[in-house]
Amino acid sequence: MKLATVAKTLVGGVFAVSAWSAQATPDVAYNGQYTYIGDFKPFPGVPNNERLGRSQQAPGFPSGPFSDYWIFDLDPGANAQGAFNFNPFSPLGITGWGGGLYNVSDFTCGAAGTVCTPGTIGSQIIAFNTAPDGINTTGATNLVPGRYALLLSGNNVSSPNQTIYSGQVSFLAPQVVPEPASLALFGIALAAAGWSRRRTAA
């Protein structure tokens, strides 16, 4: 289920997404490496969001280094702006918190929440910015339609099988801005309509 429960600001096609409570239950839980988030189809001015997280549910979260890849499709009618915001649970159970967004190929995916058949992780599109306190990772970039991998990585220093992180992804297609030529034709049409009305009145 796609949710629109985050605050957003649209300025020149760029939007900001506020963090949601890390204690909320994710809509898509981690079910193993390459868990499929879903297919996003944002419309201009209407954000398409998904909350997700890794918890004590199977397959659990062993202590030690981890690299979690989440797979998703972006399928709008135009390029979309993407934002990613994730927070480790409190008390902090992760060190070296980070991640990024990657191109992928040859992944076969089913329903959201299931694990995709492994393919190839390609080039990195964006490296997420990590806050100095290590509890917030965000990023935003323009994306074209296609399949992508979201990476969240770090070192789990808490007890095995404890809930560790949650967050959200959000996508927004840019507003359609009329081209100058279209605006000019529209202006001519308005002028012609006004001239016609004056002739009729005369």
C-alpha atoms as a PDB file:
ATOM      1  CA  MET A   1       0.000   0.000   0.000  1.00  0.00           C
ATOM      2  CA  LYS A   2       1.359   3.386  -1.018  1.00  0.00           C
ATOM      3  CA  LEU A   3       0.945   6.144   1.596  1.00  0.00           C
ATOM      4  CA  ALA A   4       1.027   9.938   1.393  1.00  0.00           C
ATOM      5  CA  THR A   5       1.632  10.635   5.075  1.00  0.00           C
ATOM      6  CA  VAL A   6       4.758  12.754   4.901  1.00  0.00           C
ATOM      7  CA  ALA A   7       5.110  16.511   4.794  1.00  0.00           C
ATOM      8  CA  LYS A   8       6.285  17.807   1.444  1.00  0.00           C
ATOM      9  CA  THR A   9       7.190  21.090  -0.191  1.00  0.00           C
ATOM     10  CA  LEU A  10       7.162  21.543  -3.943  1.00  0.00           C
ATOM     11  CA  VAL A  11       9.406  24.339  -5.232  1.00  0.00           C
ATOM     12  CA  GLY A  12      10.499  24.280  -8.854  1.00  0.00           C
ATOM     13  CA  GLY A  13       9.957  20.527  -9.113  1.00  0.00           C
ATOM     14  CA  VAL A  14      12.046  19.714  -6.014  1.00  0.00           C
ATOM     15  CA  PHE A  15      10.409  18.390  -2.868  1.00  0.00           C
ATOM     16  CA  ALA A  16      11.453  17.781   0.702  1.00  0.00           C
ATOM     17  CA  VAL A  17      10.282  14.832   2.770  1.00  0.00           C
ATOM     18  CA  SER A  18      10.220  14.925   6.548  1.00  0.00           C
ATOM     19  CA  ALA A  19      11.221  11.934   8.659  1.00  0.00           C
ATOM     20  CA  TRP A  20       8.470   9.786  10.120  1.00  0.00           C
ATOM     21  CA  SER A  21       8.569   8.078  13.480  1.00  0.00           C
ATOM     22  CA  ALA A  22      11.154   5.309  13.456  1.00  0.00           C
ATOM     23  CA  GLN A  23       8.936   3.312  15.797  1.00  0.00           C
ATOM     24  CA  ALA A  24       6.139   2.962  13.221  1.00  0.00           C
ATOM     25  CA  THR A  25       5.455  -0.446  11.717  1.00  0.00           C
ATOM     26  CA  PRO A  26       6.869  -0.625   8.183  1.00  0.00           C
ATOM     27  CA  ASP A  27       4.533  -1.397   5.291  1.00  0.00           C
ATOM     28  CA  VAL A  28       7.195  -3.568   3.647  1.00  0.00           C
ATOM     29  CA  ALA A  29       9.360  -5.642   6.001  1.00  0.00           C
ATOM     30  CA  TYR A  30      12.760  -7.013   5.067  1.00  0.00           C
ATOM     31  CA  ASN A  31      12.324 -10.623   3.943  1.00  0.00           C
ATOM     32  CA  GLY A  32      15.861 -11.276   2.777  1.00  0.00           C
ATOM     33  CA  GLN A  33      18.441  -9.803   0.448  1.00  0.00           C
ATOM     34  CA  TYR A  34      16.855  -8.017  -2.558  1.00  0.00           C
ATOM     35  CA  THR A  35      13.399  -7.606  -1.007  1.00  0.00           C
ATOM     36  CA  TYR A  36      11.102  -5.992  -3.587  1.00  0.00           C
ATOM     37  CA  ILE A  37       9.544  -2.702  -2.461  1.00  0.00           C
ATOM     38  CA  GLY A  38       7.149  -2.350  -5.398  1.00  0.00           C
ATOM     39  CA  ASP A  39       6.364  -0.439  -8.582  1.00  0.00           C
ATOM     40  CA  PHE A  40       6.018   3.335  -8.143  1.00  0.00           C
ATOM     41  CA  LYS A  41       3.879   5.388 -10.529  1.00  0.00           C
ATOM     42  CA  PRO A  42       3.847   8.975  -9.201  1.00  0.00           C
ATOM     43  CA  PHE A  43       1.729  11.635 -10.865  1.00  0.00           C
ATOM     44  CA  PRO A  44       2.757  15.313 -11.094  1.00  0.00           C
ATOM     45  CA  GLY A  45       2.158  16.943  -7.728  1.00  0.00           C
ATOM     46  CA  VAL A  46       1.091  13.663  -6.058  1.00  0.00           C
ATOM     47  CA  PRO A  47       3.857  11.924  -4.067  1.00  0.00           C
ATOM     48  CA  ASN A  48       4.092   8.144  -4.070  1.00  0.00           C
ATOM     49  CA  ASN A  49       5.560   6.923  -0.747  1.00  0.00           C
ATOM     50  CA  GLU A  50       6.423   3.607   0.878  1.00  0.00           C
ATOM     51  CA  ARG A  51       7.542   2.912   4.428  1.00  0.00           C
ATOM     52  CA  LEU A  52       9.868  -0.022   5.011  1.00  0.00           C
ATOM     53  CA  GLY A  53      12.228  -1.405   7.594  1.00  0.00           C
ATOM     54  CA  ARG A  54      14.212  -4.321   8.913  1.00  0.00           C
ATOM     55  CA  SER A  55      13.126  -5.789  12.235  1.00  0.00           C
ATOM     56  CA  GLN A  56      13.264  -8.824  14.471  1.00  0.00           C
ATOM     57  CA  GLN A  57      10.899 -10.640  12.115  1.00  0.00           C
ATOM     58  CA  ALA A  58      12.374 -13.390   9.925  1.00  0.00           C
ATOM     59  CA  PRO A  59      15.054 -13.493   8.704  1.00  0.00           C
ATOM     60  CA  GLY A  60      16.132 -11.481  11.747  1.00  0.00           C
ATOM     61  CA  PHE A  61      19.118  -9.184  11.998  1.00  0.00           C
ATOM     62  CA  PRO A  62      22.369 -10.843  13.225  1.00  0.00           C
ATOM     63  CA  SER A  63      25.056  -8.737  14.850  1.00  0.00           C
ATOM     64  CA  GLY A  64      27.908  -7.570  12.638  1.00  0.00           C
ATOM     65  CA  PRO A  65      28.357  -5.861   9.252  1.00  0.00           C
ATOM     66  CA  PHE A  66      25.392  -5.809   6.873  1.00  0.00           C
ATOM     67  CA  SER A  67      24.516  -4.591   3.373  1.00  0.00           C
ATOM     68  CA  ASP A  68      20.767  -4.623   2.717  1.00  0.00           C
ATOM     69  CA  TYR A  69      19.624  -4.163  -0.873  1.00  0.00           C
ATOM     70  CA  TRP A  70      15.977  -3.248  -1.524  1.00  0.00           C
ATOM     71  CA  ILE A  71      14.740  -3.421  -5.132  1.00  0.00           C
ATOM     72  CA  PHE A  72      12.062  -1.178  -6.687  1.00  0.00           C
ATOM     73  CA  ASP A  73      10.684  -0.067 -10.038  1.00  0.00           C
ATOM     74  CA  LEU A  74       9.968   3.495 -11.084  1.00  0.00           C
ATOM     75  CA  ASP A  75       7.414   3.661 -13.861  1.00  0.00           C
ATOM     76  CA  PRO A  76       5.990   7.164 -14.217  1.00  0.00           C
ATOM     77  CA  GLY A  77       5.087   8.852 -17.475  1.00  0.00           C
ATOM     78  CA  ALA A  78       8.032  11.177 -16.921  1.00  0.00           C
ATOM     79  CA  ASN A  79      11.176  11.462 -14.849  1.00  0.00           C
ATOM     80  CA  ALA A  80      10.590  11.637 -11.102  1.00  0.00           C
ATOM     81  CA  GLN A  81      12.313  13.175  -8.100  1.00  0.00           C
ATOM     82  CA  GLY A  82      13.218  10.575  -5.465  1.00  0.00           C
ATOM     83  CA  ALA A  83      13.953  11.053  -1.772  1.00  0.00           C
ATOM     84  CA  PHE A  84      15.128   8.476   0.765  1.00  0.00           C
ATOM     85  CA  ASN A  85      15.076   8.862   4.536  1.00  0.00           C
ATOM     86  CA  PHE A  86      16.056   6.157   7.044  1.00  0.00           C
ATOM     87  CA  ASN A  87      16.731   6.177  10.762  1.00  0.00           C
ATOM     88  CA  PRO A  88      18.204   3.533  13.049  1.00  0.00           C
ATOM     89  CA  PHE A  89      16.035   2.789  16.083  1.00  0.00           C
ATOM     90  CA  SER A  90      16.901   4.347  19.426  1.00  0.00           C
ATOM     91  CA  PRO A  91      19.045   3.412  21.285  1.00  0.00           C
ATOM     92  CA  LEU A  92      21.387   3.442  18.328  1.00  0.00           C
ATOM     93  CA  GLY A  93      22.213  -0.095  17.190  1.00  0.00           C
ATOM     94  CA  ILE A  94      24.211   0.731  14.046  1.00  0.00           C
ATOM     95  CA  THR A  95      27.684   2.151  13.463  1.00  0.00           C
ATOM     96  CA  GLY A  96      29.016   3.170  10.057  1.00  0.00           C
ATOM     97  CA  TRP A  97      25.464   3.954   8.875  1.00  0.00           C
ATOM     98  CA  GLY A  98      25.227   4.755   5.165  1.00  0.00           C
ATOM     99  CA  GLY A  99      24.027   3.627   1.761  1.00  0.00           C
ATOM    100  CA  GLY A 100      23.176   4.706  -1.742  1.00  0.00           C
ATOM    101  CA  LEU A 101      21.095   4.184  -4.860  1.00  0.00           C
ATOM    102  CA  TYR A 102      22.216   1.877  -7.686  1.00  0.00           C
ATOM    103  CA  ASN A 103      21.288   0.832 -11.195  1.00  0.00           C
ATOM    104  CA  VAL A 104      20.462  -2.867 -11.512  1.00  0.00           C
ATOM    105  CA  SER A 105      19.905  -5.371 -14.303  1.00  0.00           C
ATOM    106  CA  ASP A 106      18.571  -8.930 -14.684  1.00  0.00           C
ATOM    107  CA  PHE A 107      16.536  -8.890 -11.465  1.00  0.00           C
ATOM    108  CA  THR A 108      13.205 -10.762 -11.607  1.00  0.00           C
ATOM    109  CA  CYS A 109      10.668  -9.565  -9.016  1.00  0.00           C
ATOM    110  CA  GLY A 110       7.170 -10.566  -7.958  1.00  0.00           C
ATOM    111  CA  ALA A 111       4.850  -8.977  -5.415  1.00  0.00           C
ATOM    112  CA  ALA A 112       6.016  -6.304  -2.976  1.00  0.00           C
ATOM    113  CA  GLY A 113       7.601  -7.897   0.089  1.00  0.00           C
ATOM    114  CA  THR A 114       8.917 -10.938  -1.771  1.00  0.00           C
ATOM    115  CA  VAL A 115      12.571 -11.497  -2.644  1.00  0.00           C
ATOM    116  CA  CYS A 116      13.726 -10.818  -6.202  1.00  0.00           C
ATOM    117  CA  THR A 117      15.813 -13.333  -8.123  1.00  0.00           C
ATOM    118  CA  PRO A 118      19.377 -11.962  -7.852  1.00  0.00           C
ATOM    119  CA  GLY A 119      20.729 -10.043 -10.799  1.00  0.00           C
ATOM    120  CA  THR A 120      23.539  -7.532 -11.223  1.00  0.00           C
ATOM    121  CA  ILE A 121      24.098  -4.442  -9.049  1.00  0.00           C
ATOM    122  CA  GLY A 122      25.407  -1.783 -11.408  1.00  0.00           C
ATOM    123  CA  SER A 123      26.811   1.713 -10.992  1.00  0.00           C
ATOM    124  CA  GLN A 124      26.003   3.954  -8.042  1.00  0.00           C
ATOM    125  CA  ILE A 125      23.646   6.822  -8.856  1.00  0.00           C
ATOM    126  CA  ILE A 126      23.847   8.648  -5.551  1.00  0.00           C
ATOM    127  CA  ALA A 127      25.668   8.160  -2.249  1.00  0.00           C
ATOM    128  CA  PHE A 128      23.460   9.095   0.691  1.00  0.00           C
ATOM    129  CA  ASN A 129      24.460  11.903   3.021  1.00  0.00           C
ATOM    130  CA  THR A 130      24.871  10.706   6.591  1.00  0.00           C
ATOM    131  CA  ALA A 131      24.344  13.095   9.495  1.00  0.00           C
ATOM    132  CA  PRO A 132      27.298  13.621  11.885  1.00  0.00           C
ATOM    133  CA  ASP A 133      25.437  11.778  14.651  1.00  0.00           C
ATOM    134  CA  GLY A 134      25.027   8.773  12.379  1.00  0.00           C
ATOM    135  CA  ILE A 135      21.268   8.449  12.810  1.00  0.00           C
ATOM    136  CA  ASN A 136      19.924   9.937   9.610  1.00  0.00           C
ATOM    137  CA  THR A 137      20.589   9.081   5.974  1.00  0.00           C
ATOM    138  CA  THR A 138      18.952  11.065   3.198  1.00  0.00           C
ATOM    139  CA  GLY A 139      19.343  11.576  -0.496  1.00  0.00           C
ATOM    140  CA  ALA A 140      17.452  12.996  -3.456  1.00  0.00           C
ATOM    141  CA  THR A 141      17.952  12.756  -7.187  1.00  0.00           C
ATOM    142  CA  ASN A 142      16.104  12.828 -10.500  1.00  0.00           C
ATOM    143  CA  LEU A 143      15.352   9.342 -11.791  1.00  0.00           C
ATOM    144  CA  VAL A 144      14.206   7.982 -15.137  1.00  0.00           C
ATOM    145  CA  PRO A 145      11.840   4.999 -15.379  1.00  0.00           C
ATOM    146  CA  GLY A 146      13.583   1.716 -14.604  1.00  0.00           C
ATOM    147  CA  ARG A 147      14.560  -0.777 -11.895  1.00  0.00           C
ATOM    148  CA  TYR A 148      16.815   0.305  -9.019  1.00  0.00           C
ATOM    149  CA  ALA A 149      18.475  -0.984  -5.850  1.00  0.00           C
ATOM    150  CA  LEU A 150      18.457   0.920  -2.558  1.00  0.00           C
ATOM    151  CA  LEU A 151      21.418   0.024  -0.310  1.00  0.00           C
ATOM    152  CA  LEU A 152      21.460   0.474   3.467  1.00  0.00           C
ATOM    153  CA  SER A 153      24.639  -0.653   5.176  1.00  0.00           C
ATOM    154  CA  GLY A 154      26.507  -0.488   8.460  1.00  0.00           C
ATOM    155  CA  ASN A 155      27.508  -2.581  11.440  1.00  0.00           C
ATOM    156  CA  ASN A 156      24.826  -3.955  13.773  1.00  0.00           C
ATOM    157  CA  VAL A 157      26.184  -3.625  17.305  1.00  0.00           C
ATOM    158  CA  SER A 158      22.949  -4.506  19.146  1.00  0.00           C
ATOM    159  CA  SER A 159      21.739  -7.942  20.217  1.00  0.00           C
ATOM    160  CA  PRO A 160      20.771 -10.332  17.410  1.00  0.00           C
ATOM    161  CA  ASN A 161      17.180 -10.200  16.105  1.00  0.00           C
ATOM    162  CA  GLN A 162      16.413  -6.756  17.479  1.00  0.00           C
ATOM    163  CA  THR A 163      14.620  -4.149  15.392  1.00  0.00           C
ATOM    164  CA  ILE A 164      17.291  -1.956  13.835  1.00  0.00           C
ATOM    165  CA  TYR A 165      16.075   0.608  11.271  1.00  0.00           C
ATOM    166  CA  SER A 166      13.062   1.884   9.370  1.00  0.00           C
ATOM    167  CA  GLY A 167      12.344   4.677   6.934  1.00  0.00           C
ATOM    168  CA  GLN A 168      10.692   5.604   3.681  1.00  0.00           C
ATOM    169  CA  VAL A 169      11.161   6.172  -0.004  1.00  0.00           C
ATOM    170  CA  SER A 170       9.198   8.861  -1.820  1.00  0.00           C
ATOM    171  CA  PHE A 171       8.780   9.788  -5.475  1.00  0.00           C
ATOM    172  CA  LEU A 172       7.192  12.761  -7.193  1.00  0.00           C
ATOM    173  CA  ALA A 173       6.809  13.422 -10.913  1.00  0.00           C
ATOM    174  CA  PRO A 174       7.599  17.039 -11.846  1.00  0.00           C
ATOM    175  CA  GLN A 175       4.842  19.478 -12.615  1.00  0.00           C
ATOM    176  CA  VAL A 176       4.249  19.933 -16.341  1.00  0.00           C
ATOM    177  CA  VAL A 177       5.367  23.420 -17.432  1.00  0.00           C
ATOM    178  CA  PRO A 178       3.947  24.610 -20.777  1.00  0.00           C
ATOM    179  CA  GLU A 179       6.533  25.326 -23.455  1.00  0.00           C
ATOM    180  CA  PRO A 180       6.907  28.966 -24.624  1.00  0.00           C
ATOM    181  CA  ALA A 181       5.441  28.088 -28.026  1.00  0.00           C
ATOM    182  CA  SER A 182       2.357  26.577 -26.398  1.00  0.00           C
ATOM    183  CA  LEU A 183       1.927  29.646 -24.220  1.00  0.00           C
ATOM    184  CA  ALA A 184       2.208  31.879 -27.281  1.00  0.00           C
ATOM    185  CA  LEU A 185      -0.486  29.923 -29.153  1.00  0.00           C
ATOM    186  CA  PHE A 186      -2.715  30.094 -26.099  1.00  0.00           C
ATOM    187  CA  GLY A 187      -2.250  33.865 -25.965  1.00  0.00           C
ATOM    188  CA  ILE A 188      -3.091  34.226 -29.647  1.00  0.00           C
ATOM    189  CA  ALA A 189      -6.232  32.144 -29.163  1.00  0.00           C
ATOM    190  CA  LEU A 190      -7.337  34.364 -26.271  1.00  0.00           C
ATOM    191  CA  ALA A 191      -6.682  37.500 -28.284  1.00  0.00           C
ATOM    192  CA  ALA A 192      -8.646  36.149 -31.243  1.00  0.00           C
ATOM    193  CA  ALA A 193     -11.549  35.231 -28.999  1.00  0.00           C
ATOM    194  CA  GLY A 194     -11.590  38.738 -27.535  1.00  0.00           C
ATOM    195  CA  TRP A 195     -11.441  40.342 -30.977  1.00  0.00           C
ATOM    196  CA  SER A 196     -14.321  38.154 -32.172  1.00  0.00           C
ATOM    197  CA  ARG A 197     -16.466  39.135 -29.208  1.00  0.00           C
ATOM    198  CA  ARG A 198     -15.836  42.854 -29.860  1.00  0.00           C
ATOM    199  CA  ARG A 199     -16.890  42.457 -33.520  1.00  0.00           C
ATOM    200  CA  THR A 200     -20.067  40.674 -32.498  1.00  0.00           C
ATOM    201  CA  ALA A 201     -20.902  43.388 -29.993  1.00  0.00           C
ATOM    202  CA  ALA A 202     -20.328  46.079 -32.623  1.00  0.00           C
END
